[in-house]
Amino acid sequence: MGRRIAFISDIHGNMEALKIVLQDINEKGIPTKDIYCLGDLVGYGPRPNEVIECIIEQEIQCILGNYDEAVGFFLPTCGCNIESEADKMKSKNSLEWTVQHTKEGNKAFLRELEEQITLKVEGFSILLTHGSPYAINDYVYENDIEKQDEIIDELEEDIIVFGHTHFPYFKEVEGKRFINVGSVGRPKDGDIRACYCLMEMDRELGVEFIRVPYDIATVAKEIEESELLNDFAQVLRTGRDVKK
């Protein structure tokens, strides 16, 4: 067996999901030094401080997500894809609530996160970023052929590992590997379980998306009892964005 690395992303204040995912990774015998977080610790979920403090306590290497940047640096928007007035209202509610309920020391931690990390593992060169090599709020979906072609022209590394879209996939394009690790705390692909990615590197590259059930009811109830919009609880129950 080669070296195994676990990638987590887009936790979004969902401590119940993070706790279960870290437990599952630990049970697979993967040490904390081989866990990497691709950002968006906060936003939409009710436990921003607990998530940040867990990442700090476990000494999990983490990069900056667009939501982390917005909360840490007090930006006016989260850098999310906003297509309607309803989206704008949801984004405003989530960002304002999260800024108000995230401790100053934890915001300082978010400000210190790097935007990208490059790893060298078992002969592979791997770029870790939240969105794309160009911007942390850049969406790269599985069928974005044009954008993937642009990235290939610039990408020096063999593999790019990222999150942000909440849709996991593994794809090879002209010898480069694209891995979106999905979302721990807010899946949008219709599967309500927490998602993370396990990469095994030997002579070949093995990529597996692990789905772990967690206590959604508790998180949804906590959202509905807060000033966060109830829509955010519904996303967890359905595994899809609420469209209005």
C-alpha atoms as a PDB file:
ATOM      1  CA  MET A   1       0.000   0.000   0.000  1.00  0.00           C
ATOM      2  CA  GLY A   2       1.288   3.464  -0.909  1.00  0.00           C
ATOM      3  CA  ARG A   3       0.877   6.636   1.050  1.00  0.00           C
ATOM      4  CA  ARG A   4      -2.703   7.708   1.696  1.00  0.00           C
ATOM      5  CA  ILE A   5      -3.834  11.316   2.051  1.00  0.00           C
ATOM      6  CA  ALA A   6      -7.288  12.557   3.068  1.00  0.00           C
ATOM      7  CA  PHE A   7      -8.690  15.790   1.653  1.00  0.00           C
ATOM      8  CA  ILE A   8     -11.597  17.620   3.255  1.00  0.00           C
ATOM      9  CA  SER A   9     -13.270  20.840   2.103  1.00  0.00           C
ATOM     10  CA  ASP A  10     -16.298  23.100   2.481  1.00  0.00           C
ATOM     11  CA  ILE A  11     -17.181  22.268   6.068  1.00  0.00           C
ATOM     12  CA  HIS A  12     -19.283  25.435   6.404  1.00  0.00           C
ATOM     13  CA  GLY A  13     -19.780  25.526  10.156  1.00  0.00           C
ATOM     14  CA  ASN A  14     -21.080  21.942  10.293  1.00  0.00           C
ATOM     15  CA  MET A  15     -19.287  20.491  13.311  1.00  0.00           C
ATOM     16  CA  GLU A  16     -21.362  17.283  13.370  1.00  0.00           C
ATOM     17  CA  ALA A  17     -20.230  16.416   9.839  1.00  0.00           C
ATOM     18  CA  LEU A  18     -16.599  17.335  10.520  1.00  0.00           C
ATOM     19  CA  LYS A  19     -16.474  15.265  13.696  1.00  0.00           C
ATOM     20  CA  ILE A  20     -17.766  12.141  11.926  1.00  0.00           C
ATOM     21  CA  VAL A  21     -15.452  12.591   8.934  1.00  0.00           C
ATOM     22  CA  LEU A  22     -12.350  12.996  11.116  1.00  0.00           C
ATOM     23  CA  GLN A  23     -13.387   9.915  13.084  1.00  0.00           C
ATOM     24  CA  ASP A  24     -13.741   7.928   9.840  1.00  0.00           C
ATOM     25  CA  ILE A  25     -10.323   9.108   8.612  1.00  0.00           C
ATOM     26  CA  ASN A  26      -8.764   8.153  11.946  1.00  0.00           C
ATOM     27  CA  GLU A  27     -10.361   4.690  11.828  1.00  0.00           C
ATOM     28  CA  LYS A  28      -8.740   4.181   8.418  1.00  0.00           C
ATOM     29  CA  GLY A  29      -5.352   4.690  10.080  1.00  0.00           C
ATOM     30  CA  ILE A  30      -4.521   7.986   8.380  1.00  0.00           C
ATOM     31  CA  PRO A  31      -2.490  10.312  10.637  1.00  0.00           C
ATOM     32  CA  THR A  32      -3.485  13.952  11.074  1.00  0.00           C
ATOM     33  CA  LYS A  33      -0.352  15.095   9.218  1.00  0.00           C
ATOM     34  CA  ASP A  34      -1.824  13.447   6.099  1.00  0.00           C
ATOM     35  CA  ILE A  35      -5.125  15.379   6.253  1.00  0.00           C
ATOM     36  CA  TYR A  36      -5.441  18.565   4.223  1.00  0.00           C
ATOM     37  CA  CYS A  37      -8.371  20.984   4.329  1.00  0.00           C
ATOM     38  CA  LEU A  38      -9.153  22.990   1.204  1.00  0.00           C
ATOM     39  CA  GLY A  39     -11.023  25.808   2.901  1.00  0.00           C
ATOM     40  CA  ASP A  40     -14.479  27.216   3.596  1.00  0.00           C
ATOM     41  CA  LEU A  41     -14.537  26.329   7.269  1.00  0.00           C
ATOM     42  CA  VAL A  42     -17.354  28.811   7.863  1.00  0.00           C
ATOM     43  CA  GLY A  43     -20.616  30.097   6.375  1.00  0.00           C
ATOM     44  CA  TYR A  44     -24.200  28.740   6.338  1.00  0.00           C
ATOM     45  CA  GLY A  45     -23.658  26.453   9.351  1.00  0.00           C
ATOM     46  CA  PRO A  46     -24.232  27.127  13.046  1.00  0.00           C
ATOM     47  CA  ARG A  47     -20.798  26.262  14.498  1.00  0.00           C
ATOM     48  CA  PRO A  48     -18.071  28.379  12.874  1.00  0.00           C
ATOM     49  CA  ASN A  49     -15.953  28.649  16.024  1.00  0.00           C
ATOM     50  CA  GLU A  50     -16.021  24.951  16.839  1.00  0.00           C
ATOM     51  CA  VAL A  51     -14.985  24.034  13.288  1.00  0.00           C
ATOM     52  CA  ILE A  52     -12.083  26.507  13.239  1.00  0.00           C
ATOM     53  CA  GLU A  53     -10.939  25.466  16.714  1.00  0.00           C
ATOM     54  CA  CYS A  54     -11.076  21.777  15.770  1.00  0.00           C
ATOM     55  CA  ILE A  55      -8.856  22.432  12.731  1.00  0.00           C
ATOM     56  CA  ILE A  56      -6.430  24.357  14.953  1.00  0.00           C
ATOM     57  CA  GLU A  57      -6.389  21.771  17.751  1.00  0.00           C
ATOM     58  CA  GLN A  58      -5.890  18.849  15.357  1.00  0.00           C
ATOM     59  CA  GLU A  59      -3.169  20.839  13.536  1.00  0.00           C
ATOM     60  CA  ILE A  60      -4.777  20.060  10.183  1.00  0.00           C
ATOM     61  CA  GLN A  61      -3.063  21.896   7.340  1.00  0.00           C
ATOM     62  CA  CYS A  62      -5.616  24.218   5.775  1.00  0.00           C
ATOM     63  CA  ILE A  63      -5.815  26.716   2.940  1.00  0.00           C
ATOM     64  CA  LEU A  64      -8.069  29.741   2.488  1.00  0.00           C
ATOM     65  CA  GLY A  65     -11.577  29.447   1.056  1.00  0.00           C
ATOM     66  CA  ASN A  66     -13.638  32.331  -0.288  1.00  0.00           C
ATOM     67  CA  TYR A  67     -15.920  32.257   2.762  1.00  0.00           C
ATOM     68  CA  ASP A  68     -12.949  32.206   5.119  1.00  0.00           C
ATOM     69  CA  GLU A  69     -11.557  35.241   3.317  1.00  0.00           C
ATOM     70  CA  ALA A  70     -14.873  37.130   3.513  1.00  0.00           C
ATOM     71  CA  VAL A  71     -15.282  36.480   7.244  1.00  0.00           C
ATOM     72  CA  GLY A  72     -11.608  36.945   8.154  1.00  0.00           C
ATOM     73  CA  PHE A  73     -11.145  40.149   6.203  1.00  0.00           C
ATOM     74  CA  PHE A  74     -14.685  41.591   6.687  1.00  0.00           C
ATOM     75  CA  LEU A  75     -15.444  41.620   2.950  1.00  0.00           C
ATOM     76  CA  PRO A  76     -18.890  42.834   1.769  1.00  0.00           C
ATOM     77  CA  THR A  77     -19.718  39.583  -0.096  1.00  0.00           C
ATOM     78  CA  CYS A  78     -18.716  35.923   0.197  1.00  0.00           C
ATOM     79  CA  GLY A  79     -17.500  35.585  -3.413  1.00  0.00           C
ATOM     80  CA  CYS A  80     -20.230  33.017  -4.085  1.00  0.00           C
ATOM     81  CA  ASN A  81     -22.220  32.516  -7.283  1.00  0.00           C
ATOM     82  CA  ILE A  82     -25.182  34.885  -6.900  1.00  0.00           C
ATOM     83  CA  GLU A  83     -27.773  34.636  -9.676  1.00  0.00           C
ATOM     84  CA  SER A  84     -30.904  36.192  -8.152  1.00  0.00           C
ATOM     85  CA  GLU A  85     -32.255  38.506  -5.470  1.00  0.00           C
ATOM     86  CA  ALA A  86     -33.058  35.426  -3.380  1.00  0.00           C
ATOM     87  CA  ASP A  87     -29.415  34.292  -3.627  1.00  0.00           C
ATOM     88  CA  LYS A  88     -28.271  37.772  -2.631  1.00  0.00           C
ATOM     89  CA  MET A  89     -30.550  37.734   0.434  1.00  0.00           C
ATOM     90  CA  LYS A  90     -29.310  34.269   1.498  1.00  0.00           C
ATOM     91  CA  SER A  91     -25.694  35.266   1.024  1.00  0.00           C
ATOM     92  CA  LYS A  92     -26.166  38.451   3.063  1.00  0.00           C
ATOM     93  CA  ASN A  93     -27.895  36.579   5.894  1.00  0.00           C
ATOM     94  CA  SER A  94     -25.211  33.885   6.070  1.00  0.00           C
ATOM     95  CA  LEU A  95     -22.233  36.243   5.878  1.00  0.00           C
ATOM     96  CA  GLU A  96     -23.546  38.766   8.403  1.00  0.00           C
ATOM     97  CA  TRP A  97     -24.531  36.051  10.900  1.00  0.00           C
ATOM     98  CA  THR A  98     -21.180  34.274  10.542  1.00  0.00           C
ATOM     99  CA  VAL A  99     -19.164  37.472  10.975  1.00  0.00           C
ATOM    100  CA  GLN A 100     -21.157  38.319  14.113  1.00  0.00           C
ATOM    101  CA  HIS A 101     -20.766  34.834  15.605  1.00  0.00           C
ATOM    102  CA  THR A 102     -17.103  34.116  14.805  1.00  0.00           C
ATOM    103  CA  LYS A 103     -14.615  35.036  17.544  1.00  0.00           C
ATOM    104  CA  GLU A 104     -11.972  37.631  16.747  1.00  0.00           C
ATOM    105  CA  GLY A 105      -9.139  35.177  17.413  1.00  0.00           C
ATOM    106  CA  ASN A 106     -10.664  32.731  14.951  1.00  0.00           C
ATOM    107  CA  LYS A 107     -11.022  35.456  12.318  1.00  0.00           C
ATOM    108  CA  ALA A 108      -7.321  36.178  12.818  1.00  0.00           C
ATOM    109  CA  PHE A 109      -6.580  32.490  12.139  1.00  0.00           C
ATOM    110  CA  LEU A 110      -8.562  32.675   8.872  1.00  0.00           C
ATOM    111  CA  ARG A 111      -6.539  35.721   7.785  1.00  0.00           C
ATOM    112  CA  GLU A 112      -3.300  33.748   8.185  1.00  0.00           C
ATOM    113  CA  LEU A 113      -4.298  30.895   5.847  1.00  0.00           C
ATOM    114  CA  GLU A 114      -2.364  30.510   2.589  1.00  0.00           C
ATOM    115  CA  GLU A 115      -4.275  30.503  -0.703  1.00  0.00           C
ATOM    116  CA  GLN A 116      -2.399  27.519  -2.189  1.00  0.00           C
ATOM    117  CA  ILE A 117      -0.057  24.703  -1.168  1.00  0.00           C
ATOM    118  CA  THR A 118       2.065  22.497  -3.434  1.00  0.00           C
ATOM    119  CA  LEU A 119       2.879  18.960  -2.263  1.00  0.00           C
ATOM    120  CA  LYS A 120       5.443  16.477  -3.541  1.00  0.00           C
ATOM    121  CA  VAL A 121       4.305  12.957  -2.692  1.00  0.00           C
ATOM    122  CA  GLU A 122       5.540   9.607  -4.050  1.00  0.00           C
ATOM    123  CA  GLY A 123       6.763  11.237  -7.245  1.00  0.00           C
ATOM    124  CA  PHE A 124       3.541  13.222  -7.776  1.00  0.00           C
ATOM    125  CA  SER A 125       3.357  17.018  -7.692  1.00  0.00           C
ATOM    126  CA  ILE A 126       0.019  18.253  -6.311  1.00  0.00           C
ATOM    127  CA  LEU A 127      -1.481  21.747  -6.223  1.00  0.00           C
ATOM    128  CA  LEU A 128      -4.032  22.396  -3.471  1.00  0.00           C
ATOM    129  CA  THR A 129      -6.373  25.338  -3.987  1.00  0.00           C
ATOM    130  CA  HIS A 130      -9.960  26.160  -3.036  1.00  0.00           C
ATOM    131  CA  GLY A 131     -11.429  27.219  -6.366  1.00  0.00           C
ATOM    132  CA  SER A 132      -8.886  27.197  -9.210  1.00  0.00           C
ATOM    133  CA  PRO A 133      -5.271  28.270  -9.731  1.00  0.00           C
ATOM    134  CA  TYR A 134      -6.609  31.685 -10.734  1.00  0.00           C
ATOM    135  CA  ALA A 135      -8.978  32.545  -7.874  1.00  0.00           C
ATOM    136  CA  ILE A 136     -10.344  30.971  -4.703  1.00  0.00           C
ATOM    137  CA  ASN A 137     -13.914  31.761  -5.781  1.00  0.00           C
ATOM    138  CA  ASP A 138     -13.546  30.299  -9.300  1.00  0.00           C
ATOM    139  CA  TYR A 139     -15.879  27.354 -10.002  1.00  0.00           C
ATOM    140  CA  VAL A 140     -14.450  24.390 -11.959  1.00  0.00           C
ATOM    141  CA  TYR A 141     -17.212  21.844 -12.633  1.00  0.00           C
ATOM    142  CA  GLU A 142     -16.640  18.427 -14.163  1.00  0.00           C
ATOM    143  CA  ASN A 143     -17.929  19.438 -17.614  1.00  0.00           C
ATOM    144  CA  ASP A 144     -16.059  22.794 -17.731  1.00  0.00           C
ATOM    145  CA  ILE A 145     -13.845  21.632 -20.598  1.00  0.00           C
ATOM    146  CA  GLU A 146     -12.781  25.121 -21.645  1.00  0.00           C
ATOM    147  CA  LYS A 147     -11.722  26.119 -18.140  1.00  0.00           C
ATOM    148  CA  GLN A 148      -9.906  22.827 -17.607  1.00  0.00           C
ATOM    149  CA  ASP A 149      -8.016  23.358 -20.875  1.00  0.00           C
ATOM    150  CA  GLU A 150      -6.969  26.833 -19.688  1.00  0.00           C
ATOM    151  CA  ILE A 151      -5.766  25.406 -16.371  1.00  0.00           C
ATOM    152  CA  ILE A 152      -3.759  22.660 -18.106  1.00  0.00           C
ATOM    153  CA  ASP A 153      -1.839  25.306 -20.083  1.00  0.00           C
ATOM    154  CA  GLU A 154      -0.716  26.965 -16.820  1.00  0.00           C
ATOM    155  CA  LEU A 155      -0.552  24.009 -14.407  1.00  0.00           C
ATOM    156  CA  GLU A 156       2.985  22.837 -13.667  1.00  0.00           C
ATOM    157  CA  GLU A 157       1.837  20.183 -11.172  1.00  0.00           C
ATOM    158  CA  ASP A 158       0.572  16.699 -12.130  1.00  0.00           C
ATOM    159  CA  ILE A 159      -2.583  16.948 -10.025  1.00  0.00           C
ATOM    160  CA  ILE A 160      -4.864  19.772  -8.932  1.00  0.00           C
ATOM    161  CA  VAL A 161      -7.029  19.163  -5.846  1.00  0.00           C
ATOM    162  CA  PHE A 162      -9.797  21.646  -5.032  1.00  0.00           C
ATOM    163  CA  GLY A 163     -13.326  22.155  -3.660  1.00  0.00           C
ATOM    164  CA  HIS A 164     -15.732  25.130  -3.771  1.00  0.00           C
ATOM    165  CA  THR A 165     -18.408  23.655  -6.075  1.00  0.00           C
ATOM    166  CA  HIS A 166     -19.539  20.965  -3.566  1.00  0.00           C
ATOM    167  CA  PHE A 167     -19.696  18.476  -6.484  1.00  0.00           C
ATOM    168  CA  PRO A 168     -16.983  15.779  -6.213  1.00  0.00           C
ATOM    169  CA  TYR A 169     -15.268  14.338  -9.282  1.00  0.00           C
ATOM    170  CA  PHE A 170     -12.013  12.816 -10.526  1.00  0.00           C
ATOM    171  CA  LYS A 171     -11.036  13.437 -14.120  1.00  0.00           C
ATOM    172  CA  GLU A 172      -7.919  13.136 -16.256  1.00  0.00           C
ATOM    173  CA  VAL A 173      -7.441  15.709 -19.001  1.00  0.00           C
ATOM    174  CA  GLU A 174      -4.362  15.510 -21.246  1.00  0.00           C
ATOM    175  CA  GLY A 175      -2.322  13.790 -18.553  1.00  0.00           C
ATOM    176  CA  LYS A 176      -3.305  16.176 -15.754  1.00  0.00           C
ATOM    177  CA  ARG A 177      -5.601  15.001 -12.967  1.00  0.00           C
ATOM    178  CA  PHE A 178      -8.464  17.135 -11.624  1.00  0.00           C
ATOM    179  CA  ILE A 179      -9.870  16.150  -8.226  1.00  0.00           C
ATOM    180  CA  ASN A 180     -12.774  17.998  -6.636  1.00  0.00           C
ATOM    181  CA  VAL A 181     -13.091  16.575  -3.128  1.00  0.00           C
ATOM    182  CA  GLY A 182     -16.751  17.520  -2.561  1.00  0.00           C
ATOM    183  CA  SER A 183     -18.152  18.996   0.640  1.00  0.00           C
ATOM    184  CA  VAL A 184     -17.997  17.736   4.206  1.00  0.00           C
ATOM    185  CA  GLY A 185     -20.682  20.025   5.577  1.00  0.00           C
ATOM    186  CA  ARG A 186     -22.949  21.058   2.681  1.00  0.00           C
ATOM    187  CA  PRO A 187     -23.149  18.561  -0.203  1.00  0.00           C
ATOM    188  CA  LYS A 188     -25.104  19.760  -3.249  1.00  0.00           C
ATOM    189  CA  ASP A 189     -25.093  16.644  -5.465  1.00  0.00           C
ATOM    190  CA  GLY A 190     -28.169  15.044  -3.917  1.00  0.00           C
ATOM    191  CA  ASP A 191     -26.244  12.792  -1.502  1.00  0.00           C
ATOM    192  CA  ILE A 192     -26.853  14.128   2.010  1.00  0.00           C
ATOM    193  CA  ARG A 193     -23.906  12.322   3.586  1.00  0.00           C
ATOM    194  CA  ALA A 194     -20.670  14.151   4.383  1.00  0.00           C
ATOM    195  CA  CYS A 195     -18.116  13.717   1.606  1.00  0.00           C
ATOM    196  CA  TYR A 196     -14.337  13.628   1.642  1.00  0.00           C
ATOM    197  CA  CYS A 197     -11.635  12.297  -0.662  1.00  0.00           C
ATOM    198  CA  LEU A 198      -9.053   9.611  -0.027  1.00  0.00           C
ATOM    199  CA  MET A 199      -6.048   9.553  -2.333  1.00  0.00           C
ATOM    200  CA  GLU A 200      -3.649   6.621  -2.418  1.00  0.00           C
ATOM    201  CA  MET A 201      -0.319   7.106  -4.117  1.00  0.00           C
ATOM    202  CA  ASP A 202       1.825   4.214  -5.171  1.00  0.00           C
ATOM    203  CA  ARG A 203       3.066   3.729  -8.702  1.00  0.00           C
ATOM    204  CA  GLU A 204      -0.515   4.528  -9.734  1.00  0.00           C
ATOM    205  CA  LEU A 205      -2.931   7.092  -8.324  1.00  0.00           C
ATOM    206  CA  GLY A 206      -6.058   5.831  -6.559  1.00  0.00           C
ATOM    207  CA  VAL A 207      -8.896   8.239  -5.760  1.00  0.00           C
ATOM    208  CA  GLU A 208     -11.941   7.363  -3.664  1.00  0.00           C
ATOM    209  CA  PHE A 209     -14.805   9.560  -2.485  1.00  0.00           C
ATOM    210  CA  ILE A 210     -15.958   8.501   0.975  1.00  0.00           C
ATOM    211  CA  ARG A 211     -19.522   9.247   2.107  1.00  0.00           C
ATOM    212  CA  VAL A 212     -20.268   9.265   5.816  1.00  0.00           C
ATOM    213  CA  PRO A 213     -23.723   9.616   7.444  1.00  0.00           C
ATOM    214  CA  TYR A 214     -23.957  12.138  10.287  1.00  0.00           C
ATOM    215  CA  ASP A 215     -26.617  13.685  12.519  1.00  0.00           C
ATOM    216  CA  ILE A 216     -28.254  16.091  10.062  1.00  0.00           C
ATOM    217  CA  ALA A 217     -31.336  16.600  12.259  1.00  0.00           C
ATOM    218  CA  THR A 218     -29.290  18.175  15.053  1.00  0.00           C
ATOM    219  CA  VAL A 219     -27.550  20.616  12.716  1.00  0.00           C
ATOM    220  CA  ALA A 220     -30.770  21.503  10.879  1.00  0.00           C
ATOM    221  CA  LYS A 221     -32.557  22.164  14.171  1.00  0.00           C
ATOM    222  CA  GLU A 222     -29.763  24.405  15.368  1.00  0.00           C
ATOM    223  CA  ILE A 223     -29.906  26.407  12.129  1.00  0.00           C
ATOM    224  CA  GLU A 224     -33.683  26.812  12.440  1.00  0.00           C
ATOM    225  CA  GLU A 225     -33.351  27.976  16.038  1.00  0.00           C
ATOM    226  CA  SER A 226     -30.823  30.639  15.039  1.00  0.00           C
ATOM    227  CA  GLU A 227     -31.181  33.740  12.870  1.00  0.00           C
ATOM    228  CA  LEU A 228     -29.750  31.825   9.925  1.00  0.00           C
ATOM    229  CA  LEU A 229     -32.315  31.193   7.184  1.00  0.00           C
ATOM    230  CA  ASN A 230     -34.230  27.902   7.307  1.00  0.00           C
ATOM    231  CA  ASP A 231     -33.208  27.321   3.670  1.00  0.00           C
ATOM    232  CA  PHE A 232     -29.752  26.364   4.919  1.00  0.00           C
ATOM    233  CA  ALA A 233     -31.241  23.528   6.975  1.00  0.00           C
ATOM    234  CA  GLN A 234     -33.176  22.331   3.926  1.00  0.00           C
ATOM    235  CA  VAL A 235     -29.966  22.127   1.867  1.00  0.00           C
ATOM    236  CA  LEU A 236     -28.596  19.664   4.432  1.00  0.00           C
ATOM    237  CA  ARG A 237     -31.778  17.568   4.391  1.00  0.00           C
ATOM    238  CA  THR A 238     -31.919  17.312   0.590  1.00  0.00           C
ATOM    239  CA  GLY A 239     -28.284  17.582  -0.462  1.00  0.00           C
ATOM    240  CA  ARG A 240     -29.276  20.239  -2.982  1.00  0.00           C
ATOM    241  CA  ASP A 241     -29.450  24.007  -3.188  1.00  0.00           C
ATOM    242  CA  VAL A 242     -32.876  25.465  -2.449  1.00  0.00           C
ATOM    243  CA  LYS A 243     -34.030  27.320  -5.571  1.00  0.00           C
ATOM    244  CA  LYS A 244     -36.745  29.950  -5.444  1.00  0.00           C
END
